[in-house]
Every structure is written in structure tokens, then in C-alpha cells.
Amino acid sequence: MDSRRPFRRWPLLVWAALMCVGAALAGWQHDSPRLLVLALLLLIAGGCGASVQLRPLLALAGRAELCRLPGPAEPMPKTEPMQQRLLRLEACLEHAPVALWQQQGQGQVLPLNNAARRLVAPGGAQDSAELLARLALAAGQSLGHSPFSYESERGSERCLLASRELVIDRLPERLLALMPIESELEAETLKAWRQLVHVLTHEIMNSLTPISSLSRSARELLAEPAALAANQQDLTLALDTIARRADALASFVANYRRVSELPEPKLAPVRLSELFARLEQMVGADWATRGGAAVFSVAPASLTLMADAGQLEQALLNLFKNAAQACGAQADPRLSVTARLVRGGRLSIEVRDNGPGVPVGLETDIFLPFFSTKPLARPGVAAEGGQGIGLAVVRNLIHGMGGSVRYVKPVSGGAAFVLSF
């Protein structure tokens, strides 16, 4: 029966009267079976009719009880777990450590929690209207994660803006999250500057110290014309050493420029199966000559990536070179390169070898410019070691194409570098 039907009183009175008559007959005449049966029928009919008439009132009272929220001092009813969960979710949303916003269609961006309301309140952003307008513009331009900054009372604040599209009640909406990263960026910037200054001073002083010392020695030799013929060999050695150190310093500067001045990537669809086929032709024979193998696989075969084909190829070749140097002492060197889709629809390229891996404790340092776990290359013995720029170039190239690279220590041993896009 429809609970929304209007309630009428007189049918309820009729059914109640029948119940009263039945009760009276049952109490007045016990010796007549027929009268007892009639009394019971009247009681049953009156009870059923009354329950049908009371059903709309009971349904209305139930809905009112469900919609009623407990007061501040009233404990939460234990029989309503859904209401408890909703209130708990509302509390988590209100006190989330990031500023959450909502945008319906192309309308105004509205704050959803306390962190967002603090940004548009006095003491937050200098111009709250401008902040809301820029949030709406940024949300409409791109989805995913993008850098965002605004002017606050404390100065410029850098954040990470995340945007997601939703459809609620057939209406398009956007959910925005503004995550502050200013303090983390400052700490990482200071750390990077300290590391850079340490590397620069170390490399420059390694060249300038012998240059300065040998220059003074050569000047002293030239100041003694009488002994110049006898010291000709020492003078030649000093000048040759100065020249070599100057060349080393020039090479260092050129490598630094190579790391810091990479060209802008030109993104286009890259079919990974074709790229891997070219790479296998480049390096496969070398690994086979050394008694090993280089295995390339793409799943599915139609996997395509928006990237700069030349820069992606250069990054992978740098990783292959590192893997070949790491597996130099292996009797059966192995290189495995796989491309596949992982959780979240992300594309992953893994380069794995069966070498000794990166020493423990140096996993976060291997991407620093001019940091190398291999011995330094000596003049005329270039194959002995590295200059510490290969992985730095790889990271800059992959980051420029919107990806990331990280080192992974496989359980089975060796080393693995994972490129994620």
C-alpha cells in the first residue's frame, strides 16, 4: 500500500469498533461455539483493518526519525551505522590536511573543507577572488597534477593542484585538491645547492691546485736562464700537466652544460615495439658476443607512448651502457627490457641486469651529477670508469617528457631501473 496516501480517521474508528464488538461477544457468551468464532473473526478483521490504516503514519514517523540528526549532547544511535559513517566521512573531509574545492560545470569554485576556507579568509591569500578565478581556469585547462602558486600574507606559496572529473546526479563536477609543497621544495632546493656546490668546488679545485702549483714552478724555471737548458725536461712536463688539467676542467664544464642544457622534448606518439626493435639491433650483438643476451618485450605489442623518440632512445642507451659496465665481470651477462601497463593505467619500462647492483646506502645518490660508483677514468683509459653524468642525463630526459625514473633492487639480485609515464 502506498505510504504517501492521505490518512483518514473514520475507517480506523470502524475497525476499532469491530474489535470492541468482538471482544464483548467473546467475554459475554462462552457456551456458544458459533458466537466465539464470530467474536474471533471480528477481532481479526478489526486488527487487520486497523494495521492497514496505521501503516502511513508508521512510515512517515520512520522517515522523520532517519532524517533527524542527533543534538550536540545526544549520543549517536548504535542502530544507525550508515549515519555514523557519513558523519565520520564528513569529519575527515572537514579536517583533511589539503585544501579541497568543488566546481559544478564551469561555475565558481567553492571551498569544501576548513583548509580551503582558510585560504579565502583574511590571513590566507592576498586576493581571494583572484585565487578562485585562477583555480577555475587551471581546473578547466588540464586534469591530473600541475604546479600552482599564489600570493599569501607570508609571500609566494607553491602548491600541487590535482583535479578530477565527477558526474553526480547526471551533472558534471570537478574535485580539486591544493597541496602545499613550499617547505618541501625549499628543503630539496637547499640540499641540491649544497650538493652542487660540493661537486663544483671538488672538481674545480682538483684542476686548479696542480695548475697553480706547476705554473709557479715553471715561472721559477724560466727565471733562471743559466739553468734553463738543464731544466728543459721538467719545464716541458709541467706545461704538459697544466695543459692536461686545463683540458680536464674544460671537459667538466662541457659535461655540466650537457646535463643542464638539454633541448626541449618534441612529444609525438612512439610505438614501443618499433623502438625496442631498433634498440635490439644496436646492442643485442654486443651482449651476445660477451656470452650473454639482451631480451626486449612489449605487452601489448600495440603499446604507444607520447614521448620524444630520440631522447627516449638516448635515455635507454645510457641505461644499457651502465648495465653493460655493471655486468663486465659476469660470465653470463643478461639485460632484460620490458614495457607494460601497470595499475592506474600508467606505462612502465623496466631495464634490468644481473650485475652486482648499486651498493647499499648509495641508492639516492646515483642520480646526482658527477656522482659515480665506478673508478674515475684516467687519461687514455676511458673505458675504466665513468664521469657520473649518465643517470643524471637519464633523469632529466625522462622528467622532461613527463615521466619519472627510480632504482629498484630486485629480490633475485642485480639492478633494475623503472621508467614510469
Protein backbone atom coordinates (compact mmCIF):
# COMPACT_ATOMS: atom_id res chain seq x y z
CA MET A 1 0.00 0.00 0.00
CA ASP A 2 1.35 3.44 -0.89
CA SER A 3 2.60 5.17 2.27
CA ARG A 4 2.04 8.56 0.66
CA ARG A 5 -1.80 8.10 0.65
CA PRO A 6 -3.53 10.70 2.89
CA PHE A 7 -4.56 9.39 6.32
CA ARG A 8 -8.31 9.21 7.17
CA ARG A 9 -9.65 8.69 10.69
CA TRP A 10 -13.15 7.27 10.24
CA PRO A 11 -12.09 3.87 8.78
CA LEU A 12 -9.81 3.42 11.78
CA LEU A 13 -12.77 4.09 14.11
CA VAL A 14 -14.87 1.49 12.26
CA TRP A 15 -12.20 -1.18 12.60
CA ALA A 16 -11.73 -0.30 16.25
CA ALA A 17 -15.49 -0.64 16.84
CA LEU A 18 -15.49 -4.12 15.25
CA MET A 19 -12.67 -5.13 17.57
CA CYS A 20 -14.64 -3.88 20.57
CA VAL A 21 -17.76 -5.83 19.49
CA GLY A 22 -15.71 -8.97 19.02
CA ALA A 23 -14.15 -8.57 22.45
CA ALA A 24 -17.58 -8.03 24.03
CA LEU A 25 -19.04 -11.16 22.41
CA ALA A 26 -16.06 -13.24 23.47
CA GLY A 27 -16.48 -12.13 27.09
CA TRP A 28 -20.31 -12.36 27.18
CA GLN A 29 -21.04 -15.78 25.70
CA HIS A 30 -18.61 -18.63 26.27
CA ASP A 31 -21.05 -21.54 25.88
CA SER A 32 -21.90 -20.91 22.22
CA PRO A 33 -19.13 -22.01 19.83
CA ARG A 34 -20.67 -20.02 16.97
CA LEU A 35 -20.58 -16.78 18.92
CA LEU A 36 -16.96 -17.42 19.92
CA VAL A 37 -15.95 -18.00 16.29
CA LEU A 38 -17.81 -14.81 15.27
CA ALA A 39 -16.06 -12.85 18.05
CA LEU A 40 -12.64 -14.09 16.91
CA LEU A 41 -13.40 -13.19 13.28
CA LEU A 42 -14.44 -9.69 14.32
CA LEU A 43 -11.25 -9.28 16.36
CA ILE A 44 -9.04 -10.47 13.47
CA ALA A 45 -10.82 -8.31 10.88
CA GLY A 46 -10.67 -5.25 13.10
CA GLY A 47 -6.96 -5.77 13.85
CA CYS A 48 -6.01 -6.20 10.18
CA GLY A 49 -8.01 -3.20 9.09
CA ALA A 50 -6.55 -1.01 11.84
CA SER A 51 -2.97 -2.03 10.93
CA VAL A 52 -3.57 -1.14 7.27
CA GLN A 53 -4.90 2.28 8.27
CA LEU A 54 -1.95 2.95 10.61
CA ARG A 55 0.73 1.99 8.04
CA PRO A 56 1.08 5.53 6.51
CA LEU A 57 1.61 7.03 9.95
CA LEU A 58 4.30 4.46 10.82
CA ALA A 59 6.18 5.02 7.53
CA LEU A 60 6.11 8.80 7.97
CA ALA A 61 7.43 8.51 11.51
CA GLY A 62 10.23 6.21 10.33
CA ARG A 63 11.35 8.69 7.66
CA ALA A 64 11.32 11.53 10.13
CA GLU A 65 13.48 9.54 12.52
CA LEU A 66 16.01 8.72 9.78
CA CYS A 67 16.32 12.38 8.77
CA ARG A 68 16.71 13.62 12.32
CA LEU A 69 20.33 14.40 13.33
CA PRO A 70 21.34 13.97 16.96
CA GLY A 71 21.91 17.11 19.01
CA PRO A 72 25.32 18.19 20.36
CA ALA A 73 24.85 16.39 23.66
CA GLU A 74 22.88 13.45 22.27
CA PRO A 75 24.85 10.23 21.71
CA MET A 76 24.89 8.67 18.25
CA PRO A 77 22.32 5.87 17.96
CA LYS A 78 24.01 2.49 17.78
CA THR A 79 21.37 1.15 15.39
CA GLU A 80 22.35 3.54 12.52
CA PRO A 81 25.87 2.59 11.28
CA MET A 82 25.32 4.35 7.93
CA GLN A 83 24.70 7.66 9.66
CA GLN A 84 27.85 7.16 11.73
CA ARG A 85 29.91 6.51 8.63
CA LEU A 86 28.54 9.61 6.92
CA LEU A 87 29.39 11.79 9.88
CA ARG A 88 32.86 10.25 10.14
CA LEU A 89 33.49 10.90 6.44
CA GLU A 90 32.27 14.47 6.85
CA ALA A 91 34.68 15.00 9.76
CA CYS A 92 37.59 13.55 7.75
CA LEU A 93 36.75 15.81 4.81
CA GLU A 94 36.50 18.86 7.03
CA HIS A 95 39.88 18.31 8.69
CA ALA A 96 41.82 16.97 5.68
CA PRO A 97 45.39 18.40 5.56
CA VAL A 98 44.88 19.66 1.97
CA ALA A 99 42.52 22.33 0.64
CA LEU A 100 39.59 20.71 -1.20
CA TRP A 101 37.37 22.57 -3.68
CA GLN A 102 34.31 21.80 -5.79
CA GLN A 103 33.33 23.19 -9.19
CA GLN A 104 30.00 22.45 -10.86
CA GLY A 105 30.27 22.68 -14.63
CA GLN A 106 32.13 25.88 -15.49
CA GLY A 107 30.83 27.71 -12.43
CA GLN A 108 32.59 29.19 -9.44
CA VAL A 109 35.00 27.13 -7.37
CA LEU A 110 33.62 26.57 -3.85
CA PRO A 111 35.62 25.52 -0.75
CA LEU A 112 34.75 22.11 0.68
CA ASN A 113 36.72 21.95 3.93
CA ASN A 114 38.37 24.04 6.61
CA ALA A 115 41.77 24.24 4.86
CA ALA A 116 40.16 25.68 1.73
CA ARG A 117 38.07 28.20 3.67
CA ARG A 118 41.20 29.43 5.48
CA LEU A 119 42.81 30.26 2.13
CA VAL A 120 39.98 32.61 1.12
CA ALA A 121 39.57 34.05 4.63
CA PRO A 122 41.54 37.06 5.96
CA GLY A 123 45.13 35.98 6.59
CA GLY A 124 45.13 33.48 3.72
CA ALA A 125 45.52 34.52 0.08
CA GLN A 126 46.09 38.21 -0.57
CA ASP A 127 43.36 38.27 -3.21
CA SER A 128 40.80 35.51 -2.61
CA ALA A 129 38.77 36.40 -5.73
CA GLU A 130 41.86 36.08 -7.92
CA LEU A 131 42.73 32.74 -6.27
CA LEU A 132 39.26 31.34 -7.02
CA ALA A 133 39.39 32.60 -10.62
CA ARG A 134 42.82 31.06 -11.20
CA LEU A 135 41.68 27.76 -9.66
CA ALA A 136 38.69 27.65 -12.02
CA LEU A 137 40.93 28.43 -15.00
CA ALA A 138 43.56 25.84 -14.04
CA ALA A 139 40.90 23.17 -13.43
CA GLY A 140 39.42 23.74 -16.87
CA GLN A 141 42.74 23.59 -18.70
CA SER A 142 44.06 20.24 -17.53
CA LEU A 143 43.32 17.20 -15.40
CA GLY A 144 45.78 15.37 -13.22
CA HIS A 145 48.58 17.16 -11.36
CA SER A 146 50.06 20.56 -12.18
CA PRO A 147 52.11 23.17 -10.30
CA PHE A 148 50.21 26.12 -8.84
CA SER A 149 51.30 29.18 -6.91
CA TYR A 150 49.55 32.13 -5.25
CA GLU A 151 50.46 35.15 -3.16
CA SER A 152 49.71 34.86 0.56
CA GLU A 153 50.32 37.09 3.54
CA ARG A 154 53.63 35.24 4.06
CA GLY A 155 54.74 35.58 0.43
CA SER A 156 54.56 33.34 -2.62
CA GLU A 157 53.28 29.83 -1.90
CA ARG A 158 53.91 26.93 -4.29
CA CYS A 159 51.42 24.06 -4.38
CA LEU A 160 50.47 20.99 -6.36
CA LEU A 161 46.98 21.17 -7.89
CA ALA A 162 45.17 17.88 -8.51
CA SER A 163 41.90 17.80 -10.46
CA ARG A 164 39.39 15.02 -11.09
CA GLU A 165 36.12 14.99 -13.03
CA LEU A 166 32.99 13.52 -11.45
CA VAL A 167 29.35 13.04 -12.50
CA ILE A 168 26.86 13.36 -9.64
CA ASP A 169 23.11 13.19 -10.34
CA ARG A 170 23.96 13.45 -14.06
CA LEU A 171 25.70 16.79 -13.50
CA PRO A 172 29.42 17.20 -14.32
CA GLU A 173 31.57 18.36 -11.41
CA ARG A 174 35.26 18.78 -10.64
CA LEU A 175 37.01 17.96 -7.40
CA LEU A 176 40.17 19.99 -6.79
CA ALA A 177 42.90 19.43 -4.19
CA LEU A 178 45.54 22.07 -3.45
CA MET A 179 48.53 20.54 -1.65
CA PRO A 180 51.18 22.88 -0.20
CA ILE A 181 54.76 21.91 -1.09
CA GLU A 182 56.65 25.17 -0.41
CA SER A 183 58.58 23.93 2.63
CA GLU A 184 59.45 20.61 0.97
CA LEU A 185 60.67 22.38 -2.17
CA GLU A 186 62.80 24.78 -0.15
CA ALA A 187 64.42 21.89 1.72
CA GLU A 188 65.12 20.00 -1.51
CA THR A 189 66.43 23.16 -3.21
CA LEU A 190 68.87 23.83 -0.38
CA LYS A 191 70.02 20.21 -0.46
CA ALA A 192 70.53 20.36 -4.23
CA TRP A 193 72.52 23.61 -3.95
CA ARG A 194 74.78 22.13 -1.27
CA GLN A 195 75.41 19.06 -3.39
CA LEU A 196 76.07 21.15 -6.49
CA VAL A 197 78.49 23.48 -4.70
CA HIS A 198 80.29 20.47 -3.23
CA VAL A 199 80.68 18.85 -6.65
CA LEU A 200 81.75 22.07 -8.38
CA THR A 201 84.33 23.02 -5.76
CA HIS A 202 85.71 19.48 -5.67
CA GLU A 203 86.11 19.20 -9.44
CA ILE A 204 87.42 22.74 -9.94
CA MET A 205 89.93 22.54 -7.10
CA ASN A 206 91.19 19.19 -8.40
CA SER A 207 92.25 21.00 -11.57
CA LEU A 208 93.19 24.43 -10.24
CA THR A 209 95.51 23.21 -7.46
CA PRO A 210 98.04 21.44 -9.74
CA ILE A 211 97.72 24.21 -12.35
CA SER A 212 98.61 26.85 -9.77
CA SER A 213 101.50 24.83 -8.33
CA LEU A 214 103.01 23.91 -11.70
CA SER A 215 102.64 27.45 -13.01
CA ARG A 216 104.78 28.76 -10.14
CA SER A 217 107.35 26.03 -10.78
CA ALA A 218 107.52 26.88 -14.48
CA ARG A 219 107.94 30.57 -13.71
CA GLU A 220 110.82 29.80 -11.35
CA LEU A 221 112.49 27.70 -14.04
CA LEU A 222 112.13 30.45 -16.62
CA ALA A 223 113.62 32.96 -14.14
CA GLU A 224 116.99 31.08 -14.28
CA PRO A 225 118.29 31.38 -17.88
CA ALA A 226 121.56 29.69 -16.98
CA ALA A 227 119.83 26.54 -15.80
CA LEU A 228 117.07 26.62 -18.42
CA ALA A 229 118.71 24.02 -20.68
CA ALA A 230 119.19 21.61 -17.79
CA ASN A 231 115.58 22.02 -16.63
CA GLN A 232 114.07 21.74 -20.11
CA GLN A 233 112.57 18.33 -19.37
CA ASP A 234 110.98 19.50 -16.09
CA LEU A 235 109.54 22.57 -17.79
CA THR A 236 108.05 20.51 -20.59
CA LEU A 237 106.48 18.09 -18.06
CA ALA A 238 104.99 20.99 -16.08
CA LEU A 239 103.48 22.61 -19.17
CA ASP A 240 102.06 19.26 -20.37
CA THR A 241 100.46 18.68 -16.97
CA ILE A 242 98.94 22.17 -16.98
CA ALA A 243 97.52 21.51 -20.44
CA ARG A 244 96.01 18.18 -19.36
CA ARG A 245 94.39 19.68 -16.27
CA ALA A 246 93.01 22.56 -18.32
CA ASP A 247 91.52 20.05 -20.79
CA ALA A 248 90.00 18.11 -17.88
CA LEU A 249 88.44 21.29 -16.50
CA ALA A 250 87.06 22.17 -19.94
CA SER A 251 85.61 18.65 -20.24
CA PHE A 252 83.98 19.04 -16.83
CA VAL A 253 82.35 22.31 -17.87
CA ALA A 254 81.17 20.74 -21.15
CA ASN A 255 79.62 17.79 -19.27
CA TYR A 256 77.92 20.15 -16.85
CA ARG A 257 76.47 22.05 -19.79
CA ARG A 258 75.31 18.74 -21.26
CA VAL A 259 73.37 17.94 -18.07
CA SER A 260 71.87 21.39 -17.52
CA GLU A 261 71.08 22.50 -21.08
CA LEU A 262 69.10 19.65 -22.60
CA PRO A 263 66.84 20.57 -25.54
CA GLU A 264 63.08 20.73 -25.10
CA PRO A 265 61.42 17.39 -25.97
CA LYS A 266 59.15 17.19 -29.01
CA LEU A 267 56.36 14.84 -27.96
CA ALA A 268 54.79 12.53 -30.53
CA PRO A 269 53.31 9.00 -30.48
CA VAL A 270 56.12 6.43 -30.18
CA ARG A 271 55.31 2.77 -30.90
CA LEU A 272 57.43 0.94 -28.33
CA SER A 273 57.65 -2.32 -30.29
CA GLU A 274 59.39 -0.47 -33.16
CA LEU A 275 61.66 1.44 -30.76
CA PHE A 276 62.67 -1.79 -28.99
CA ALA A 277 63.39 -3.47 -32.32
CA ARG A 278 65.85 -0.68 -33.21
CA LEU A 279 67.48 -0.86 -29.78
CA GLU A 280 67.84 -4.63 -30.01
CA GLN A 281 69.70 -4.24 -33.30
CA MET A 282 72.04 -1.69 -31.66
CA VAL A 283 73.01 -3.61 -28.51
CA GLY A 284 71.91 -7.22 -28.99
CA ALA A 285 75.02 -8.36 -30.88
CA ASP A 286 77.36 -6.87 -28.26
CA TRP A 287 75.65 -8.76 -25.41
CA ALA A 288 75.67 -11.97 -27.46
CA THR A 289 79.40 -11.57 -28.20
CA ARG A 290 80.10 -11.39 -24.47
CA GLY A 291 78.27 -14.70 -23.93
CA GLY A 292 75.01 -13.22 -22.72
CA ALA A 293 71.75 -11.93 -24.17
CA ALA A 294 69.59 -8.82 -24.33
CA VAL A 295 65.84 -9.58 -24.25
CA PHE A 296 63.20 -6.98 -25.20
CA SER A 297 59.46 -7.42 -24.69
CA VAL A 298 56.37 -5.21 -25.05
CA ALA A 299 52.92 -6.18 -23.77
CA PRO A 300 50.67 -5.49 -25.54
CA ALA A 301 52.52 -5.15 -28.85
CA SER A 302 50.46 -2.07 -29.77
CA LEU A 303 51.69 -0.11 -26.74
CA THR A 304 52.28 3.55 -27.68
CA LEU A 305 53.78 6.38 -25.63
CA MET A 306 53.70 10.16 -26.12
CA ALA A 307 57.41 10.99 -25.95
CA ASP A 308 60.40 12.34 -27.84
CA ALA A 309 61.66 9.26 -29.67
CA GLY A 310 65.27 10.48 -29.87
CA GLN A 311 65.50 11.48 -26.22
CA LEU A 312 63.79 8.29 -25.01
CA GLU A 313 66.22 6.26 -27.11
CA GLN A 314 69.19 8.17 -25.67
CA ALA A 315 67.97 7.64 -22.10
CA LEU A 316 67.59 3.90 -22.65
CA LEU A 317 71.01 3.64 -24.30
CA ASN A 318 72.57 5.31 -21.25
CA LEU A 319 70.90 2.70 -19.03
CA PHE A 320 72.11 -0.10 -21.31
CA LYS A 321 75.67 1.27 -21.09
CA ASN A 322 75.52 1.29 -17.29
CA ALA A 323 74.15 -2.27 -17.32
CA ALA A 324 76.97 -3.44 -19.62
CA GLN A 325 79.61 -1.91 -17.32
CA ALA A 326 77.95 -3.42 -14.25
CA CYS A 327 77.90 -6.90 -15.85
CA GLY A 328 81.51 -6.73 -17.04
CA ALA A 329 82.61 -9.48 -14.63
CA GLN A 330 79.60 -11.75 -15.26
CA ALA A 331 80.16 -14.97 -17.21
CA ASP A 332 76.56 -14.86 -18.49
CA PRO A 333 75.53 -11.17 -18.61
CA ARG A 334 71.82 -10.59 -19.02
CA LEU A 335 69.84 -7.49 -19.98
CA SER A 336 66.04 -7.52 -19.81
CA VAL A 337 63.94 -4.61 -21.11
CA THR A 338 60.15 -4.80 -20.70
CA ALA A 339 57.33 -2.34 -21.35
CA ARG A 340 53.84 -2.88 -19.94
CA LEU A 341 50.83 -1.20 -18.41
CA VAL A 342 50.62 -1.19 -14.62
CA ARG A 343 47.99 -0.18 -12.08
CA GLY A 344 46.30 3.12 -12.66
CA GLY A 345 46.79 2.91 -16.43
CA ARG A 346 50.42 4.02 -16.19
CA LEU A 347 53.08 2.80 -18.60
CA SER A 348 56.22 1.25 -17.13
CA ILE A 349 59.54 0.50 -18.85
CA GLU A 350 61.91 -1.65 -16.78
CA VAL A 351 65.63 -2.09 -17.56
CA ARG A 352 67.12 -4.96 -15.52
CA ASP A 353 70.55 -6.59 -15.44
CA ASN A 354 72.16 -9.38 -13.41
CA GLY A 355 75.12 -7.36 -12.16
CA PRO A 356 76.02 -6.65 -8.52
CA GLY A 357 73.57 -3.76 -8.20
CA VAL A 358 74.07 -0.41 -6.52
CA PRO A 359 75.93 -0.53 -3.17
CA VAL A 360 73.70 -0.23 -0.12
CA GLY A 361 73.26 3.35 1.02
CA LEU A 362 74.01 4.92 -2.38
CA GLU A 363 70.60 4.35 -3.97
CA THR A 364 69.59 8.02 -3.69
CA ASP A 365 72.97 9.41 -4.79
CA ILE A 366 73.37 7.69 -8.14
CA PHE A 367 71.21 10.30 -9.95
CA LEU A 368 73.37 13.22 -8.76
CA PRO A 369 75.50 14.85 -11.47
CA PHE A 370 79.15 13.68 -11.44
CA PHE A 371 78.48 11.01 -8.79
CA SER A 372 79.75 7.59 -9.85
CA THR A 373 80.26 4.25 -8.13
CA LYS A 374 82.87 3.33 -10.75
CA PRO A 375 86.55 4.35 -10.64
CA LEU A 376 87.37 7.67 -12.26
CA ALA A 377 88.52 7.46 -15.87
CA ARG A 378 92.22 8.17 -16.38
CA PRO A 379 93.57 9.92 -19.44
CA GLY A 380 93.89 7.38 -22.22
CA VAL A 381 91.88 4.75 -20.26
CA ALA A 382 88.33 5.96 -20.87
CA ALA A 383 86.75 2.55 -20.51
CA GLU A 384 87.88 2.14 -16.94
CA GLY A 385 85.16 4.19 -15.31
CA GLY A 386 82.51 6.88 -15.74
CA GLN A 387 82.09 10.57 -15.26
CA GLY A 388 78.84 10.35 -13.30
CA ILE A 389 76.53 12.11 -15.76
CA GLY A 390 74.76 9.18 -17.43
CA LEU A 391 71.99 8.69 -14.87
CA ALA A 392 71.65 12.46 -14.34
CA VAL A 393 71.02 12.85 -18.08
CA VAL A 394 68.53 9.95 -17.99
CA ARG A 395 66.57 11.54 -15.15
CA ASN A 396 66.47 14.96 -16.85
CA LEU A 397 65.38 13.47 -20.18
CA ILE A 398 62.61 11.34 -18.67
CA HIS A 399 61.41 14.16 -16.41
CA GLY A 400 61.24 16.48 -19.42
CA MET A 401 58.84 14.04 -21.10
CA GLY A 402 56.56 13.97 -18.05
CA GLY A 403 57.86 10.72 -16.58
CA SER A 404 59.96 9.59 -13.65
CA VAL A 405 62.82 7.12 -13.14
CA ARG A 406 63.74 5.22 -10.00
CA TYR A 407 66.15 2.49 -8.98
CA VAL A 408 64.75 -0.82 -7.70
CA LYS A 409 66.67 -3.62 -6.01
CA PRO A 410 65.18 -6.88 -7.33
CA VAL A 411 64.77 -9.78 -4.91
CA SER A 412 66.60 -12.06 -7.33
CA GLY A 413 69.61 -9.73 -7.40
CA GLY A 414 71.03 -7.37 -9.97
CA ALA A 415 69.74 -3.87 -10.61
CA ALA A 416 66.57 -2.52 -12.18
CA PHE A 417 65.63 0.98 -13.32
CA VAL A 418 61.91 1.66 -13.77
CA LEU A 419 60.71 4.45 -16.06
CA SER A 420 57.09 5.45 -15.33
CA PHE A 421 54.85 7.59 -17.54
